[in-house]
Amino acid sequence: MAPAAAGYFRRMTRKLTADIDQLDAEDMAESSQASGAQRACDCTRGEEATILGRLRSVEACSKAANANIEAELFDGTDTITLVWIGRRRIAGIEPGKTVLIRGRVGERDGRKIVYNPYYELHEDSELS
């Protein structure tokens, strides 16, 4: 069998037998890297970062006067919590949407977080 054909069959077998979530994460990481964005796993506290990923969850936290929106962004390598302070709703920020965010990475309870990030909504097809 030719080397190219063997490679093709190896890739097809892997796609048929691998975990769907793992394949999705790998595709997201590749698309993110191809866009020139940083990988979330490489971001460190205090660093200005640009990350492309998919919103896994979005939650409005309205504690009396302190309204916040918290979202979990996953780029295939790691998750980062996004918090918009003083907002109850942002059009287009909903689970499953692909966004490019820019902001300074912080840390809360040992997890990466970005407060009030700049964001751009992207077509969902870019990470599929």
C-alpha atoms as a PDB file:
ATOM      1  CA  MET A   1       0.000   0.000   0.000  1.00  0.00           C
ATOM      2  CA  ALA A   2       1.317   3.477  -0.853  1.00  0.00           C
ATOM      3  CA  PRO A   3       2.420   5.691   2.087  1.00  0.00           C
ATOM      4  CA  ALA A   4      -0.205   8.328   1.244  1.00  0.00           C
ATOM      5  CA  ALA A   5      -3.000   5.754   1.233  1.00  0.00           C
ATOM      6  CA  ALA A   6      -1.771   4.269   4.532  1.00  0.00           C
ATOM      7  CA  GLY A   7      -1.832   7.749   6.098  1.00  0.00           C
ATOM      8  CA  TYR A   8      -5.349   8.327   4.820  1.00  0.00           C
ATOM      9  CA  PHE A   9      -6.634   5.056   6.290  1.00  0.00           C
ATOM     10  CA  ARG A  10      -4.867   5.752   9.605  1.00  0.00           C
ATOM     11  CA  ARG A  11      -6.556   9.178   9.832  1.00  0.00           C
ATOM     12  CA  MET A  12      -9.969   7.762   8.899  1.00  0.00           C
ATOM     13  CA  THR A  13      -9.658   4.937  11.443  1.00  0.00           C
ATOM     14  CA  ARG A  14      -8.702   7.453  14.137  1.00  0.00           C
ATOM     15  CA  LYS A  15     -11.687   9.674  13.305  1.00  0.00           C
ATOM     16  CA  LEU A  16     -14.049   6.702  13.491  1.00  0.00           C
ATOM     17  CA  THR A  17     -12.691   5.344  16.781  1.00  0.00           C
ATOM     18  CA  ALA A  18     -11.633   8.456  18.731  1.00  0.00           C
ATOM     19  CA  ASP A  19     -13.735  10.240  21.327  1.00  0.00           C
ATOM     20  CA  ILE A  20     -15.891  12.961  19.712  1.00  0.00           C
ATOM     21  CA  ASP A  21     -15.053  15.515  22.423  1.00  0.00           C
ATOM     22  CA  GLN A  22     -11.333  14.882  21.933  1.00  0.00           C
ATOM     23  CA  LEU A  23     -11.614  15.348  18.157  1.00  0.00           C
ATOM     24  CA  ASP A  24     -13.633  18.539  18.668  1.00  0.00           C
ATOM     25  CA  ALA A  25     -11.017  19.903  21.081  1.00  0.00           C
ATOM     26  CA  GLU A  26      -8.223  19.109  18.608  1.00  0.00           C
ATOM     27  CA  ASP A  27     -10.115  20.822  15.764  1.00  0.00           C
ATOM     28  CA  MET A  28     -10.737  23.905  17.926  1.00  0.00           C
ATOM     29  CA  ALA A  29      -7.068  24.077  18.954  1.00  0.00           C
ATOM     30  CA  GLU A  30      -5.934  23.822  15.320  1.00  0.00           C
ATOM     31  CA  SER A  31      -8.384  26.511  14.150  1.00  0.00           C
ATOM     32  CA  SER A  32      -7.405  28.782  17.017  1.00  0.00           C
ATOM     33  CA  GLN A  33      -3.708  28.424  16.226  1.00  0.00           C
ATOM     34  CA  ALA A  34      -4.333  28.970  12.498  1.00  0.00           C
ATOM     35  CA  SER A  35      -6.100  32.258  13.301  1.00  0.00           C
ATOM     36  CA  GLY A  36      -2.999  33.563  15.064  1.00  0.00           C
ATOM     37  CA  ALA A  37      -4.625  33.535  18.508  1.00  0.00           C
ATOM     38  CA  GLN A  38      -2.803  32.286  21.586  1.00  0.00           C
ATOM     39  CA  ARG A  39      -3.558  28.929  23.169  1.00  0.00           C
ATOM     40  CA  ALA A  40      -5.369  29.280  26.500  1.00  0.00           C
ATOM     41  CA  CYS A  41      -3.067  26.725  28.119  1.00  0.00           C
ATOM     42  CA  ASP A  42      -0.061  28.975  27.358  1.00  0.00           C
ATOM     43  CA  CYS A  43      -1.576  32.149  28.852  1.00  0.00           C
ATOM     44  CA  THR A  44      -0.259  33.260  32.219  1.00  0.00           C
ATOM     45  CA  ARG A  45      -1.453  35.677  34.881  1.00  0.00           C
ATOM     46  CA  GLY A  46      -0.796  39.318  34.030  1.00  0.00           C
ATOM     47  CA  GLU A  47      -0.369  38.655  30.316  1.00  0.00           C
ATOM     48  CA  GLU A  48      -2.381  40.433  27.612  1.00  0.00           C
ATOM     49  CA  ALA A  49      -3.906  37.608  25.553  1.00  0.00           C
ATOM     50  CA  THR A  50      -5.936  37.101  22.377  1.00  0.00           C
ATOM     51  CA  ILE A  51      -7.844  33.803  22.371  1.00  0.00           C
ATOM     52  CA  LEU A  52     -10.295  32.268  19.898  1.00  0.00           C
ATOM     53  CA  GLY A  53     -12.686  29.685  21.311  1.00  0.00           C
ATOM     54  CA  ARG A  54     -16.229  28.545  21.887  1.00  0.00           C
ATOM     55  CA  LEU A  55     -18.438  29.595  24.788  1.00  0.00           C
ATOM     56  CA  ARG A  56     -19.378  26.515  26.790  1.00  0.00           C
ATOM     57  CA  SER A  57     -21.647  28.277  29.276  1.00  0.00           C
ATOM     58  CA  VAL A  58     -22.997  31.759  29.905  1.00  0.00           C
ATOM     59  CA  GLU A  59     -24.566  32.806  33.189  1.00  0.00           C
ATOM     60  CA  ALA A  60     -26.068  36.105  34.330  1.00  0.00           C
ATOM     61  CA  CYS A  61     -25.311  36.755  38.003  1.00  0.00           C
ATOM     62  CA  SER A  62     -27.567  39.528  39.255  1.00  0.00           C
ATOM     63  CA  LYS A  63     -26.690  40.023  42.909  1.00  0.00           C
ATOM     64  CA  ALA A  64     -28.712  43.103  43.849  1.00  0.00           C
ATOM     65  CA  ALA A  65     -26.966  46.066  42.190  1.00  0.00           C
ATOM     66  CA  ASN A  66     -23.911  44.083  41.029  1.00  0.00           C
ATOM     67  CA  ALA A  67     -24.914  42.571  37.703  1.00  0.00           C
ATOM     68  CA  ASN A  68     -22.310  40.370  36.013  1.00  0.00           C
ATOM     69  CA  ILE A  69     -22.180  37.997  33.088  1.00  0.00           C
ATOM     70  CA  GLU A  70     -19.840  35.029  33.454  1.00  0.00           C
ATOM     71  CA  ALA A  71     -18.944  32.777  30.549  1.00  0.00           C
ATOM     72  CA  GLU A  72     -16.622  29.814  30.128  1.00  0.00           C
ATOM     73  CA  LEU A  73     -14.468  29.966  26.970  1.00  0.00           C
ATOM     74  CA  PHE A  74     -12.831  26.770  25.672  1.00  0.00           C
ATOM     75  CA  ASP A  75     -10.265  26.833  22.866  1.00  0.00           C
ATOM     76  CA  GLY A  76      -9.407  23.130  22.744  1.00  0.00           C
ATOM     77  CA  THR A  77      -6.485  23.398  25.181  1.00  0.00           C
ATOM     78  CA  ASP A  78      -7.896  25.008  28.353  1.00  0.00           C
ATOM     79  CA  THR A  79     -10.810  27.022  29.699  1.00  0.00           C
ATOM     80  CA  ILE A  80     -10.842  30.667  30.722  1.00  0.00           C
ATOM     81  CA  THR A  81     -13.626  32.376  32.648  1.00  0.00           C
ATOM     82  CA  LEU A  82     -14.824  35.656  31.123  1.00  0.00           C
ATOM     83  CA  VAL A  83     -16.584  38.214  33.330  1.00  0.00           C
ATOM     84  CA  TRP A  84     -18.341  41.335  32.131  1.00  0.00           C
ATOM     85  CA  ILE A  85     -19.002  43.539  35.164  1.00  0.00           C
ATOM     86  CA  GLY A  86     -22.143  45.682  35.285  1.00  0.00           C
ATOM     87  CA  ARG A  87     -23.922  43.835  32.470  1.00  0.00           C
ATOM     88  CA  ARG A  88     -27.091  41.770  32.627  1.00  0.00           C
ATOM     89  CA  ARG A  89     -27.075  40.692  28.978  1.00  0.00           C
ATOM     90  CA  ILE A  90     -24.844  41.020  25.911  1.00  0.00           C
ATOM     91  CA  ALA A  91     -26.371  40.313  22.514  1.00  0.00           C
ATOM     92  CA  GLY A  92     -24.696  37.335  20.837  1.00  0.00           C
ATOM     93  CA  ILE A  93     -22.914  36.103  23.985  1.00  0.00           C
ATOM     94  CA  GLU A  94     -24.540  32.703  24.421  1.00  0.00           C
ATOM     95  CA  PRO A  95     -23.434  29.060  24.725  1.00  0.00           C
ATOM     96  CA  GLY A  96     -22.042  27.539  21.540  1.00  0.00           C
ATOM     97  CA  LYS A  97     -20.964  30.838  19.992  1.00  0.00           C
ATOM     98  CA  THR A  98     -17.414  31.288  18.725  1.00  0.00           C
ATOM     99  CA  VAL A  99     -15.682  34.429  19.966  1.00  0.00           C
ATOM    100  CA  LEU A 100     -12.279  36.056  19.745  1.00  0.00           C
ATOM    101  CA  ILE A 101     -11.456  37.770  23.040  1.00  0.00           C
ATOM    102  CA  ARG A 102      -8.680  40.115  24.058  1.00  0.00           C
ATOM    103  CA  GLY A 103      -7.821  41.082  27.624  1.00  0.00           C
ATOM    104  CA  ARG A 104      -5.473  40.725  30.574  1.00  0.00           C
ATOM    105  CA  VAL A 105      -5.433  37.268  32.139  1.00  0.00           C
ATOM    106  CA  GLY A 106      -5.947  37.149  35.884  1.00  0.00           C
ATOM    107  CA  GLU A 107      -6.483  34.408  38.402  1.00  0.00           C
ATOM    108  CA  ARG A 108      -9.404  33.646  40.721  1.00  0.00           C
ATOM    109  CA  ASP A 109      -9.523  30.546  42.899  1.00  0.00           C
ATOM    110  CA  GLY A 110      -6.648  29.050  40.891  1.00  0.00           C
ATOM    111  CA  ARG A 111      -8.465  29.437  37.565  1.00  0.00           C
ATOM    112  CA  LYS A 112      -7.724  31.772  34.653  1.00  0.00           C
ATOM    113  CA  ILE A 113     -10.077  34.722  34.282  1.00  0.00           C
ATOM    114  CA  VAL A 114     -10.417  37.800  32.072  1.00  0.00           C
ATOM    115  CA  TYR A 115     -12.512  40.744  33.263  1.00  0.00           C
ATOM    116  CA  ASN A 116     -14.391  42.886  30.726  1.00  0.00           C
ATOM    117  CA  PRO A 117     -12.678  41.400  27.665  1.00  0.00           C
ATOM    118  CA  TYR A 118     -12.910  42.972  24.230  1.00  0.00           C
ATOM    119  CA  TYR A 119     -14.749  40.435  22.074  1.00  0.00           C
ATOM    120  CA  GLU A 120     -15.643  39.744  18.458  1.00  0.00           C
ATOM    121  CA  LEU A 121     -18.312  37.244  17.474  1.00  0.00           C
ATOM    122  CA  HIS A 122     -17.186  34.802  14.768  1.00  0.00           C
ATOM    123  CA  GLU A 123     -19.071  32.441  12.535  1.00  0.00           C
ATOM    124  CA  ASP A 124     -19.552  29.079  14.273  1.00  0.00           C
ATOM    125  CA  SER A 125     -18.234  27.298  11.194  1.00  0.00           C
ATOM    126  CA  GLU A 126     -14.683  28.572  11.877  1.00  0.00           C
ATOM    127  CA  LEU A 127     -14.175  26.037  14.670  1.00  0.00           C
ATOM    128  CA  SER A 128     -16.199  23.143  13.340  1.00  0.00           C
END
